[in-house]
Amino acid sequence: MLVYEDAPVVEPGPGEVLVEVHAAAITFAELGWEETWKSADGRDRTPIIPSHEVSGVVSELGADVTEFRVGDEVYGRIGFDLNGAAADYATVPVGDLALRPTSVGHVESASVPLAALTAWQALVDHAEVQSGEHVIVLGASGGVGAFGVQIARHCRARVSATARGADLDFVKGLGAEVVLDYRAMSGNEGLETADVVLHTVDGPVTASELDLVRPGGRLVTLSQPISPELLEGRNVRAIFFIVEANRAELETIARLVDSGAVKPTVAQVFTLADGRRAFEEGPRLHKPGKTVLQVR
């Protein structure tokens, strides 16, 4: 059960900073993940603090920290095996943080790190998208999908996408040339095969989705590894990965936000005191963008 209560401020350890939290974004699924509640060796981690995307101000430095100064405005993704940012203060490893984009406020900054970093690593690090290639983003109105469309466009790729019918105009506004309502599609009708397919939706990759990848192309999935049986006889490079902390990439993403090439989307904002209601009501909204807790 999530409760709003007083908790002690934890001193930052070596390689950590204490962040005065201004905003924290929510990943609804985290409450169902084993690593949220148990350590790697199976020990109970409760009580835990959720919300693993943060935007705030460095208020104290741990030992040996030279990357930041007190007063720096930062944002980042906190590992899910650590306490999150749904609090007045959070201790964060310096590798999880970067200077935040300055063209937007803390609420918008908090909505960026996890989803944008995942999309960047999927398309740039793993799929190595090239200028002129065709990219299909499945689930383009979701957090990762929305950034995926924009990052693919930044890579000068041609982008097609699927989304809910109510979100088609939103995804087109992100830069996708073709956007189809996945609920109204008959098979893959309306989509050309692509050099890269980014699968951001829940559940396993299907044979129909693999059919969207041209021979020699790449499919990146975030939910689970692709079944080896599905790949038999196909000339497709299948990629499954889990996002990793990367300050340099967060810095690049911040510059893209400040340049206007990437725009964050906030679905709704709750106060920290209403954090439990945010976790309970947010998944029912079915609106593009992140749910964010405004702390200050």
Protein backbone atom coordinates (compact mmCIF):
# COMPACT_ATOMS: atom_id res chain seq x y z
CA MET A 1 0.00 0.00 0.00
CA LEU A 2 1.26 3.46 -0.87
CA VAL A 3 1.13 5.98 1.96
CA TYR A 4 2.13 9.64 2.30
CA GLU A 5 4.21 10.03 5.43
CA ASP A 6 7.31 11.62 6.94
CA ALA A 7 10.65 9.96 6.22
CA PRO A 8 14.22 10.90 7.16
CA VAL A 9 16.48 12.67 4.67
CA VAL A 10 19.25 10.23 3.74
CA GLU A 11 22.81 11.51 3.46
CA PRO A 12 24.39 10.97 0.01
CA GLY A 13 27.08 8.30 -0.06
CA PRO A 14 30.28 8.28 -2.13
CA GLY A 15 29.46 8.95 -5.78
CA GLU A 16 25.98 10.23 -4.94
CA VAL A 17 24.28 13.60 -4.63
CA LEU A 18 21.29 14.68 -2.60
CA VAL A 19 18.68 16.16 -4.94
CA GLU A 20 16.03 18.57 -3.75
CA VAL A 21 13.19 17.12 -5.79
CA HIS A 22 11.00 19.51 -7.75
CA ALA A 23 9.18 16.91 -9.85
CA ALA A 24 9.09 13.11 -10.23
CA ALA A 25 7.53 11.11 -13.06
CA ILE A 26 5.67 7.85 -12.61
CA THR A 27 6.12 4.48 -14.31
CA PHE A 28 2.88 2.72 -13.40
CA ALA A 29 4.19 -0.78 -14.02
CA GLU A 30 6.98 -0.43 -11.44
CA LEU A 31 4.68 -1.48 -8.58
CA GLY A 32 4.37 -4.88 -10.24
CA TRP A 33 8.08 -5.50 -10.71
CA GLU A 34 9.96 -7.82 -8.38
CA GLU A 35 13.03 -5.56 -8.29
CA THR A 36 10.86 -2.79 -6.81
CA TRP A 37 10.18 -4.89 -3.73
CA LYS A 38 13.17 -7.25 -3.48
CA SER A 39 16.92 -6.83 -3.73
CA ALA A 40 19.01 -8.90 -6.15
CA ASP A 41 19.64 -11.49 -3.40
CA GLY A 42 15.92 -11.77 -2.61
CA ARG A 43 15.78 -9.58 0.50
CA ASP A 44 12.67 -7.50 1.18
CA ARG A 45 13.30 -3.84 0.24
CA THR A 46 10.20 -2.33 1.85
CA PRO A 47 9.47 0.39 2.66
CA ILE A 48 10.31 1.72 -0.81
CA ILE A 49 9.94 5.12 -2.46
CA PRO A 50 8.54 4.99 -6.04
CA SER A 51 8.91 7.26 -9.11
CA HIS A 52 12.25 6.88 -10.84
CA GLU A 53 12.46 9.96 -13.03
CA VAL A 54 13.55 13.12 -11.27
CA SER A 55 14.09 16.80 -11.90
CA GLY A 56 15.48 18.99 -9.16
CA VAL A 57 18.40 20.85 -7.66
CA VAL A 58 21.60 19.41 -6.19
CA SER A 59 21.60 20.31 -2.50
CA GLU A 60 24.48 18.21 -1.14
CA LEU A 61 27.45 16.29 -2.55
CA GLY A 62 28.65 12.88 -1.45
CA ALA A 63 32.32 12.04 -1.09
CA ASP A 64 34.45 12.20 -4.26
CA VAL A 65 31.74 13.85 -6.36
CA THR A 66 33.20 16.27 -8.90
CA GLU A 67 30.60 16.02 -11.68
CA PHE A 68 28.13 18.47 -10.12
CA ARG A 69 28.02 21.47 -7.81
CA VAL A 70 25.47 22.45 -5.18
CA GLY A 71 22.77 24.45 -6.96
CA ASP A 72 23.00 22.61 -10.29
CA GLU A 73 19.61 21.87 -11.83
CA VAL A 74 19.61 18.22 -12.85
CA TYR A 75 17.36 15.49 -14.20
CA GLY A 76 17.75 11.77 -14.59
CA ARG A 77 16.60 8.19 -14.32
CA ILE A 78 17.06 6.44 -10.98
CA GLY A 79 17.56 2.67 -11.04
CA PHE A 80 14.46 0.68 -10.14
CA ASP A 81 16.39 -1.22 -7.49
CA LEU A 82 16.92 2.07 -5.62
CA ASN A 83 14.54 4.39 -3.83
CA GLY A 84 12.89 6.81 -6.23
CA ALA A 85 12.02 10.49 -6.28
CA ALA A 86 8.49 10.65 -4.85
CA ALA A 87 9.85 12.59 -1.88
CA ASP A 88 11.17 16.01 -0.93
CA TYR A 89 14.74 14.74 -1.32
CA ALA A 90 16.36 11.81 -3.12
CA THR A 91 19.89 10.44 -3.08
CA VAL A 92 20.96 9.66 -6.64
CA PRO A 93 24.16 8.17 -8.12
CA VAL A 94 25.88 10.80 -10.25
CA GLY A 95 25.87 8.44 -13.25
CA ASP A 96 22.08 8.61 -13.30
CA LEU A 97 21.98 12.41 -13.66
CA ALA A 98 22.76 15.21 -16.10
CA LEU A 99 22.10 18.94 -16.25
CA ARG A 100 18.46 19.29 -17.16
CA PRO A 101 17.01 21.04 -20.24
CA THR A 102 16.54 24.72 -19.43
CA SER A 103 13.85 25.53 -22.00
CA VAL A 104 11.18 23.68 -20.02
CA GLY A 105 10.22 23.51 -16.35
CA HIS A 106 10.94 20.81 -13.82
CA VAL A 107 7.63 19.02 -14.49
CA GLU A 108 8.45 18.63 -18.19
CA SER A 109 12.07 17.72 -17.42
CA ALA A 110 10.96 14.93 -15.10
CA SER A 111 8.83 13.42 -17.87
CA VAL A 112 11.82 12.89 -20.16
CA PRO A 113 14.69 10.74 -18.79
CA LEU A 114 13.49 7.13 -18.73
CA ALA A 115 11.37 7.09 -21.89
CA ALA A 116 13.70 9.26 -23.97
CA LEU A 117 16.81 7.39 -22.85
CA THR A 118 15.13 4.07 -23.71
CA ALA A 119 14.11 5.33 -27.16
CA TRP A 120 17.61 6.74 -27.80
CA GLN A 121 19.35 3.51 -26.84
CA ALA A 122 16.87 1.45 -28.87
CA LEU A 123 17.27 3.42 -32.08
CA VAL A 124 20.76 4.93 -31.90
CA ASP A 125 22.80 2.47 -29.84
CA HIS A 126 21.19 -0.84 -30.77
CA ALA A 127 19.40 -0.40 -34.12
CA GLU A 128 21.92 2.18 -35.39
CA VAL A 129 19.30 3.98 -37.46
CA GLN A 130 20.75 5.71 -40.54
CA SER A 131 19.58 8.73 -42.49
CA GLY A 132 16.98 7.79 -45.09
CA GLU A 133 15.97 4.50 -43.47
CA HIS A 134 12.34 3.65 -42.79
CA VAL A 135 11.41 3.18 -39.12
CA ILE A 136 8.10 1.86 -37.81
CA VAL A 137 7.20 2.66 -34.21
CA LEU A 138 4.56 0.33 -32.76
CA GLY A 139 2.74 2.04 -29.89
CA ALA A 140 3.83 5.55 -30.84
CA SER A 141 1.61 7.44 -28.41
CA GLY A 142 3.18 5.77 -25.38
CA GLY A 143 6.07 7.29 -23.47
CA VAL A 144 8.88 5.49 -25.30
CA GLY A 145 7.02 5.45 -28.60
CA ALA A 146 6.48 9.22 -28.67
CA PHE A 147 10.17 9.86 -28.09
CA GLY A 148 10.97 7.09 -30.59
CA VAL A 149 9.17 8.95 -33.37
CA GLN A 150 11.01 12.18 -32.58
CA ILE A 151 14.44 10.59 -32.22
CA ALA A 152 13.99 8.65 -35.46
CA ARG A 153 13.14 11.93 -37.19
CA HIS A 154 16.23 13.49 -35.60
CA CYS A 155 18.21 10.66 -37.23
CA ARG A 156 16.62 11.74 -40.53
CA ALA A 157 14.67 8.53 -40.91
CA ARG A 158 11.25 8.22 -42.50
CA VAL A 159 8.76 7.25 -39.78
CA SER A 160 5.53 5.27 -39.81
CA ALA A 161 3.64 4.43 -36.63
CA THR A 162 0.68 2.77 -34.99
CA ALA A 163 -1.38 4.26 -32.16
CA ARG A 164 -4.85 4.43 -30.69
CA GLY A 165 -7.37 6.20 -32.91
CA ALA A 166 -7.72 9.10 -30.50
CA ASP A 167 -3.96 9.73 -30.63
CA LEU A 168 -3.36 9.70 -34.40
CA ASP A 169 -3.12 13.49 -34.72
CA PHE A 170 -0.79 13.65 -31.72
CA VAL A 171 1.62 11.15 -33.32
CA LYS A 172 1.46 12.92 -36.68
CA GLY A 173 2.40 16.10 -34.87
CA LEU A 174 5.56 14.37 -33.62
CA GLY A 175 6.72 13.85 -37.20
CA ALA A 176 5.39 10.47 -38.33
CA GLU A 177 4.41 10.45 -42.01
CA VAL A 178 2.00 7.51 -41.75
CA VAL A 179 0.00 6.81 -38.57
CA LEU A 180 -2.53 3.99 -38.39
CA ASP A 181 -5.04 3.00 -35.73
CA TYR A 182 -3.85 -0.46 -34.68
CA ARG A 183 -7.36 -1.43 -33.60
CA ALA A 184 -8.75 -0.80 -37.08
CA MET A 185 -5.93 -2.47 -39.03
CA SER A 186 -6.33 -5.74 -40.91
CA GLY A 187 -2.97 -7.40 -40.45
CA ASN A 188 -0.24 -5.04 -41.65
CA GLU A 189 -2.39 -3.31 -44.24
CA GLY A 190 -1.22 0.24 -44.86
CA LEU A 191 2.35 -0.26 -43.64
CA GLU A 192 5.38 -0.81 -45.86
CA THR A 193 8.17 -3.02 -44.58
CA ALA A 194 10.84 -1.12 -42.68
CA ASP A 195 14.55 -1.17 -41.98
CA VAL A 196 13.84 -0.87 -38.25
CA VAL A 197 10.76 -1.73 -36.22
CA LEU A 198 10.55 -0.45 -32.63
CA HIS A 199 8.13 -2.57 -30.60
CA THR A 200 7.12 -0.53 -27.53
CA VAL A 201 3.81 -2.20 -26.69
CA ASP A 202 3.23 -4.70 -23.89
CA GLY A 203 3.40 -8.39 -24.67
CA PRO A 204 5.50 -10.57 -26.96
CA VAL A 205 6.44 -9.78 -30.55
CA THR A 206 4.16 -11.57 -33.03
CA ALA A 207 4.88 -13.12 -36.42
CA SER A 208 2.79 -10.36 -38.03
CA GLU A 209 5.04 -7.70 -36.48
CA LEU A 210 8.17 -9.51 -37.66
CA ASP A 211 6.68 -9.49 -41.17
CA LEU A 212 7.06 -5.69 -41.07
CA VAL A 213 10.87 -5.97 -41.02
CA ARG A 214 12.53 -6.12 -44.43
CA PRO A 215 15.17 -8.83 -44.96
CA GLY A 216 18.35 -7.72 -43.22
CA GLY A 217 16.46 -5.30 -41.00
CA ARG A 218 16.29 -4.91 -37.24
CA LEU A 219 13.49 -5.27 -34.70
CA VAL A 220 13.94 -3.83 -31.21
CA THR A 221 11.60 -4.87 -28.43
CA LEU A 222 11.39 -3.65 -24.86
CA SER A 223 8.96 -6.02 -23.16
CA GLN A 224 10.65 -9.43 -23.51
CA PRO A 225 13.08 -11.33 -25.76
CA ILE A 226 11.75 -12.52 -29.10
CA SER A 227 10.93 -16.21 -29.38
CA PRO A 228 13.72 -18.05 -31.28
CA GLU A 229 11.06 -20.10 -33.06
CA LEU A 230 9.58 -16.93 -34.58
CA LEU A 231 12.97 -15.96 -35.98
CA GLU A 232 13.59 -19.26 -37.78
CA GLY A 233 14.02 -18.70 -41.51
CA ARG A 234 14.03 -14.90 -41.19
CA ASN A 235 16.93 -12.61 -42.01
CA VAL A 236 16.11 -10.25 -39.13
CA ARG A 237 18.32 -9.01 -36.30
CA ALA A 238 16.25 -9.20 -33.11
CA ILE A 239 17.24 -6.97 -30.20
CA PHE A 240 15.96 -6.95 -26.63
CA PHE A 241 17.60 -4.73 -24.02
CA ILE A 242 17.07 -3.00 -20.70
CA VAL A 243 17.83 0.71 -20.52
CA GLU A 244 21.07 1.71 -18.79
CA ALA A 245 22.21 4.90 -17.10
CA ASN A 246 24.17 7.16 -19.43
CA ARG A 247 24.94 10.78 -18.54
CA ALA A 248 26.32 11.66 -21.98
CA GLU A 249 23.10 10.53 -23.63
CA LEU A 250 20.98 12.44 -21.11
CA GLU A 251 23.04 15.51 -21.96
CA THR A 252 22.38 14.96 -25.66
CA ILE A 253 18.66 14.54 -25.04
CA ALA A 254 18.60 17.74 -22.97
CA ARG A 255 20.16 19.61 -25.91
CA LEU A 256 17.53 18.14 -28.26
CA VAL A 257 14.77 19.35 -25.95
CA ASP A 258 16.32 22.82 -25.75
CA SER A 259 16.66 22.96 -29.54
CA GLY A 260 13.00 21.98 -30.03
CA ALA A 261 13.87 18.76 -31.87
CA VAL A 262 12.34 16.71 -29.05
CA LYS A 263 9.29 17.81 -27.09
CA PRO A 264 8.18 16.21 -23.81
CA THR A 265 4.51 15.51 -23.21
CA VAL A 266 2.89 15.62 -19.77
CA ALA A 267 -0.46 13.87 -19.44
CA GLN A 268 -1.37 15.04 -15.95
CA VAL A 269 0.16 16.47 -12.80
CA PHE A 270 -0.50 15.52 -9.17
CA THR A 271 0.90 16.86 -5.93
CA LEU A 272 3.24 14.64 -3.94
CA ALA A 273 0.52 14.24 -1.29
CA ASP A 274 -1.74 12.80 -4.00
CA GLY A 275 0.88 10.29 -5.14
CA ARG A 276 -1.24 7.26 -4.32
CA ARG A 277 -4.15 8.67 -6.34
CA ALA A 278 -1.76 9.31 -9.24
CA PHE A 279 -0.73 5.64 -9.31
CA GLU A 280 -4.35 4.49 -9.04
CA GLU A 281 -6.01 6.89 -11.50
CA GLY A 282 -3.23 7.55 -13.99
CA PRO A 283 -3.41 4.26 -15.92
CA ARG A 284 -7.10 4.86 -16.64
CA LEU A 285 -6.47 8.20 -18.35
CA HIS A 286 -5.32 6.72 -21.69
CA LYS A 287 -3.73 10.03 -22.69
CA PRO A 288 -0.30 10.51 -24.28
CA GLY A 289 2.51 11.60 -22.01
CA LYS A 290 3.78 11.06 -18.50
CA THR A 291 2.02 11.43 -15.18
CA VAL A 292 4.17 13.67 -13.00
CA LEU A 293 4.25 14.47 -9.28
CA GLN A 294 4.97 18.15 -8.65
CA VAL A 295 6.90 18.28 -5.40
CA ARG A 296 7.93 21.97 -5.32
